[in-house]
C-alpha atoms as a PDB file:
ATOM      1  CA  MET A   1      -4.029  16.178 -13.680  1.00  0.00           C
ATOM      2  CA  SER A   2      -1.812  16.606 -10.611  1.00  0.00           C
ATOM      3  CA  LEU A   3      -1.466  15.164  -7.758  1.00  0.00           C
ATOM      4  CA  LEU A   4      -3.493  17.751  -4.963  1.00  0.00           C
ATOM      5  CA  TYR A   5      -1.957  18.546  -1.570  1.00  0.00           C
ATOM      6  CA  ARG A   6      -2.845  20.431   1.638  1.00  0.00           C
ATOM      7  CA  VAL A   7      -0.877  22.229   4.211  1.00  0.00           C
ATOM      8  CA  ILE A   8      -1.629  21.026   7.755  1.00  0.00           C
ATOM      9  CA  GLN A   9       0.181  22.192  11.498  1.00  0.00           C
ATOM     10  CA  ARG A  10       0.689  19.097  13.947  1.00  0.00           C
ATOM     11  CA  LEU A  11       2.314  18.926  17.331  1.00  0.00           C
ATOM     12  CA  ASN A  12       5.408  17.082  17.956  1.00  0.00           C
ATOM     13  CA  PRO A  13       4.178  14.144  19.841  1.00  0.00           C
ATOM     14  CA  GLN A  14       7.720  13.515  21.831  1.00  0.00           C
ATOM     15  CA  ASN A  15       7.724  17.085  22.452  1.00  0.00           C
ATOM     16  CA  ARG A  16       4.089  18.564  23.303  1.00  0.00           C
ATOM     17  CA  ALA A  17       5.490  21.866  24.186  1.00  0.00           C
ATOM     18  CA  ALA A  18       7.949  22.661  21.243  1.00  0.00           C
ATOM     19  CA  ALA A  19       6.120  25.010  18.550  1.00  0.00           C
ATOM     20  CA  PRO A  20       3.672  23.365  15.725  1.00  0.00           C
ATOM     21  CA  LYS A  21       4.724  22.594  12.665  1.00  0.00           C
ATOM     22  CA  TYR A  22       3.486  22.280   9.613  1.00  0.00           C
ATOM     23  CA  TYR A  23       3.186  19.906   6.825  1.00  0.00           C
ATOM     24  CA  VAL A  24       2.001  19.126   2.977  1.00  0.00           C
ATOM     25  CA  GLU A  25      -0.224  16.201   3.153  1.00  0.00           C
ATOM     26  CA  ALA A  26      -2.304  14.419   0.343  1.00  0.00           C
ATOM     27  CA  VAL A  27      -5.569  14.830  -0.769  1.00  0.00           C
ATOM     28  CA  ILE A  28      -7.390  12.409  -1.826  1.00  0.00           C
ATOM     29  CA  ARG A  29      -9.936  12.978  -4.530  1.00  0.00           C
ATOM     30  CA  GLY A  30     -12.340  10.370  -4.484  1.00  0.00           C
ATOM     31  CA  SER A  31     -12.260   6.359  -5.032  1.00  0.00           C
ATOM     32  CA  ILE A  32     -13.034   4.039  -7.558  1.00  0.00           C
ATOM     33  CA  THR A  33     -14.943   0.829  -7.485  1.00  0.00           C
ATOM     34  CA  TYR A  34     -13.256  -2.751  -8.604  1.00  0.00           C
ATOM     35  CA  ASP A  35     -15.552  -2.600 -11.613  1.00  0.00           C
ATOM     36  CA  GLU A  36     -14.931   1.015 -12.714  1.00  0.00           C
ATOM     37  CA  PHE A  37     -10.921  -0.620 -12.003  1.00  0.00           C
ATOM     38  CA  LEU A  38     -11.135  -3.728 -14.282  1.00  0.00           C
ATOM     39  CA  ASP A  39     -13.276  -1.238 -17.064  1.00  0.00           C
ATOM     40  CA  ALA A  40     -10.017   0.850 -17.013  1.00  0.00           C
ATOM     41  CA  VAL A  41      -7.888  -1.899 -17.143  1.00  0.00           C
ATOM     42  CA  CYS A  42      -9.949  -3.492 -20.260  1.00  0.00           C
ATOM     43  CA  ALA A  43      -9.752  -0.246 -22.158  1.00  0.00           C
ATOM     44  CA  ASP A  44      -7.630  -0.091 -25.303  1.00  0.00           C
ATOM     45  CA  THR A  45      -7.196  -3.868 -24.988  1.00  0.00           C
ATOM     46  CA  THR A  46      -9.234  -7.069 -26.395  1.00  0.00           C
ATOM     47  CA  MET A  47      -9.694  -8.458 -22.676  1.00  0.00           C
ATOM     48  CA  ASN A  48     -13.032  -8.121 -21.168  1.00  0.00           C
ATOM     49  CA  ARG A  49     -13.816  -6.982 -17.579  1.00  0.00           C
ATOM     50  CA  ASP A  50     -14.779 -10.980 -16.495  1.00  0.00           C
ATOM     51  CA  GLU A  51     -11.516 -11.842 -18.292  1.00  0.00           C
ATOM     52  CA  VAL A  52      -9.719  -9.504 -16.050  1.00  0.00           C
ATOM     53  CA  ARG A  53     -11.619 -10.001 -12.798  1.00  0.00           C
ATOM     54  CA  MET A  54     -10.251 -13.800 -13.451  1.00  0.00           C
ATOM     55  CA  ALA A  55      -7.514 -13.010 -13.876  1.00  0.00           C
ATOM     56  CA  PHE A  56      -6.835 -10.314 -10.834  1.00  0.00           C
ATOM     57  CA  ASN A  57      -8.950 -13.041  -8.438  1.00  0.00           C
ATOM     58  CA  LYS A  58      -6.963 -15.429  -9.440  1.00  0.00           C
ATOM     59  CA  GLY A  59      -3.562 -13.739  -8.824  1.00  0.00           C
ATOM     60  CA  PHE A  60      -4.568 -12.564  -5.776  1.00  0.00           C
ATOM     61  CA  LYS A  61      -5.477 -15.532  -4.594  1.00  0.00           C
ATOM     62  CA  THR A  62      -2.071 -17.033  -6.072  1.00  0.00           C
ATOM     63  CA  LEU A  63      -0.426 -14.022  -4.441  1.00  0.00           C
ATOM     64  CA  LEU A  64      -2.285 -15.929  -0.827  1.00  0.00           C
ATOM     65  CA  SER A  65      -1.317 -19.029  -0.903  1.00  0.00           C
ATOM     66  CA  PHE A  66       2.482 -18.157  -1.975  1.00  0.00           C
ATOM     67  CA  SER A  67       2.809 -15.597   1.106  1.00  0.00           C
ATOM     68  CA  LYS A  68       1.145 -18.552   3.119  1.00  0.00           C
ATOM     69  CA  LEU A  69       4.332 -20.246   2.284  1.00  0.00           C
ATOM     70  CA  GLY A  70       6.257 -17.438   3.859  1.00  0.00           C
ATOM     71  CA  LEU A  71       7.992 -16.430  -0.055  1.00  0.00           C
ATOM     72  CA  SER A  72       8.264 -12.834  -1.365  1.00  0.00           C
ATOM     73  CA  VAL A  73       6.716 -12.272  -4.526  1.00  0.00           C
ATOM     74  CA  HIS A  74       8.346 -10.340  -7.182  1.00  0.00           C
ATOM     75  CA  LEU A  75       6.211  -8.745  -9.505  1.00  0.00           C
ATOM     76  CA  ASP A  76       8.611  -7.187 -11.780  1.00  0.00           C
ATOM     77  CA  SER A  77       8.272  -3.808 -12.497  1.00  0.00           C
ATOM     78  CA  LEU A  78       5.286  -3.446 -10.214  1.00  0.00           C
ATOM     79  CA  GLY A  79       6.453  -4.570  -6.951  1.00  0.00           C
ATOM     80  CA  TYR A  80       6.830  -7.027  -4.276  1.00  0.00           C
ATOM     81  CA  THR A  81       4.562  -8.306  -1.948  1.00  0.00           C
ATOM     82  CA  ARG A  82       5.784  -9.481   1.806  1.00  0.00           C
ATOM     83  CA  VAL A  83       4.692 -10.239   4.993  1.00  0.00           C
ATOM     84  CA  THR A  84       5.517  -8.890   9.338  1.00  0.00           C
ATOM     85  CA  LEU A  85       4.409  -9.650  12.203  1.00  0.00           C
ATOM     86  CA  ARG A  86       3.623  -7.852  14.778  1.00  0.00           C
ATOM     87  CA  SER A  87       4.111  -9.361  19.401  1.00  0.00           C
ATOM     88  CA  LYS A  88       3.531  -8.783  22.629  1.00  0.00           C
ATOM     89  CA  GLY A  89       7.612  -8.400  23.925  1.00  0.00           C
ATOM     90  CA  VAL A  90       8.085 -10.702  26.197  1.00  0.00           C
ATOM     91  CA  ASP A  91      10.697 -11.011  28.785  1.00  0.00           C
ATOM     92  CA  SER A  92      13.281 -13.723  27.252  1.00  0.00           C
ATOM     93  CA  PRO A  93      13.097 -15.906  23.597  1.00  0.00           C
ATOM     94  CA  GLN A  94      11.508 -18.918  25.265  1.00  0.00           C
ATOM     95  CA  GLN A  95       8.174 -16.469  25.861  1.00  0.00           C
ATOM     96  CA  ALA A  96       8.112 -15.957  22.626  1.00  0.00           C
ATOM     97  CA  THR A  97       6.221 -17.813  20.741  1.00  0.00           C
ATOM     98  CA  ALA A  98       3.155 -17.860  18.449  1.00  0.00           C
ATOM     99  CA  ASP A  99       0.673 -17.180  21.258  1.00  0.00           C
ATOM    100  CA  THR A 100       2.247 -13.529  21.324  1.00  0.00           C
ATOM    101  CA  VAL A 101       2.081 -12.413  17.562  1.00  0.00           C
ATOM    102  CA  THR A 102      -0.818  -9.768  17.749  1.00  0.00           C
ATOM    103  CA  ASP A 103      -1.268  -8.972  14.030  1.00  0.00           C
ATOM    104  CA  ILE A 104      -0.245 -10.755  10.640  1.00  0.00           C
ATOM    105  CA  VAL A 105       0.264  -8.139   8.345  1.00  0.00           C
ATOM    106  CA  PRO A 106       0.636  -7.872   4.427  1.00  0.00           C
ATOM    107  CA  HIS A 107       2.824  -5.676   2.421  1.00  0.00           C
ATOM    108  CA  PHE A 108       3.282  -4.652  -1.082  1.00  0.00           C
ATOM    109  CA  VAL A 109       6.369  -2.200  -1.607  1.00  0.00           C
ATOM    110  CA  PHE A 110       5.872  -0.549  -5.173  1.00  0.00           C
ATOM    111  CA  SER A 111       8.704  -0.697  -7.206  1.00  0.00           C
ATOM    112  CA  GLU A 112      11.425   1.612  -8.015  1.00  0.00           C
ATOM    113  CA  ALA A 113      10.355   2.626 -11.071  1.00  0.00           C
ATOM    114  CA  PHE A 114       6.364   3.552 -10.212  1.00  0.00           C
ATOM    115  CA  ARG A 115       8.122   5.449  -7.339  1.00  0.00           C
ATOM    116  CA  ALA A 116       9.628   7.500  -9.750  1.00  0.00           C
ATOM    117  CA  GLU A 117       6.637   7.705 -11.678  1.00  0.00           C
ATOM    118  CA  LEU A 118       4.581   9.186  -9.600  1.00  0.00           C
ATOM    119  CA  LYS A 119       7.955  11.624  -8.247  1.00  0.00           C
ATOM    120  CA  ARG A 120       7.721  12.774 -11.645  1.00  0.00           C
ATOM    121  CA  GLU A 121       3.986  14.129 -11.269  1.00  0.00           C
ATOM    122  CA  LYS A 122       2.816  17.834 -10.572  1.00  0.00           C
ATOM    123  CA  LEU A 123       1.767  18.714  -7.444  1.00  0.00           C
ATOM    124  CA  GLU A 124      -0.700  21.458  -6.972  1.00  0.00           C
ATOM    125  CA  ARG A 125      -2.001  23.121  -3.531  1.00  0.00           C
ATOM    126  CA  LYS A 126      -5.875  22.452  -2.874  1.00  0.00           C
ATOM    127  CA  SER A 127      -7.274  25.918  -3.113  1.00  0.00           C
END
């Protein structure tokens, strides 16, 4: 199965008078539930859904613990996690305090190997 895309037209937000341009956008075919994901992970293994669920849940709790310590967690060929902050702009360094933070944003950055594998996938225009 290939990745589907569609063509969309967008205006340039920095120059609304410019002619719109056409871009490709990935088509999301649907979604799967956590249980469906767990079943797929279990396929061709001796693990059952509860064992995989327990491992994933413990892994996510552990990632959260390390993220709260300000650590980036590297997961070999999967990628790594990191946390960034969004804050209000202020006029002086003294005014830049924890109170100016507007959001704490967790990120998962996929590895080069993961991205390279996706890039090898065939692309097909949605009809």
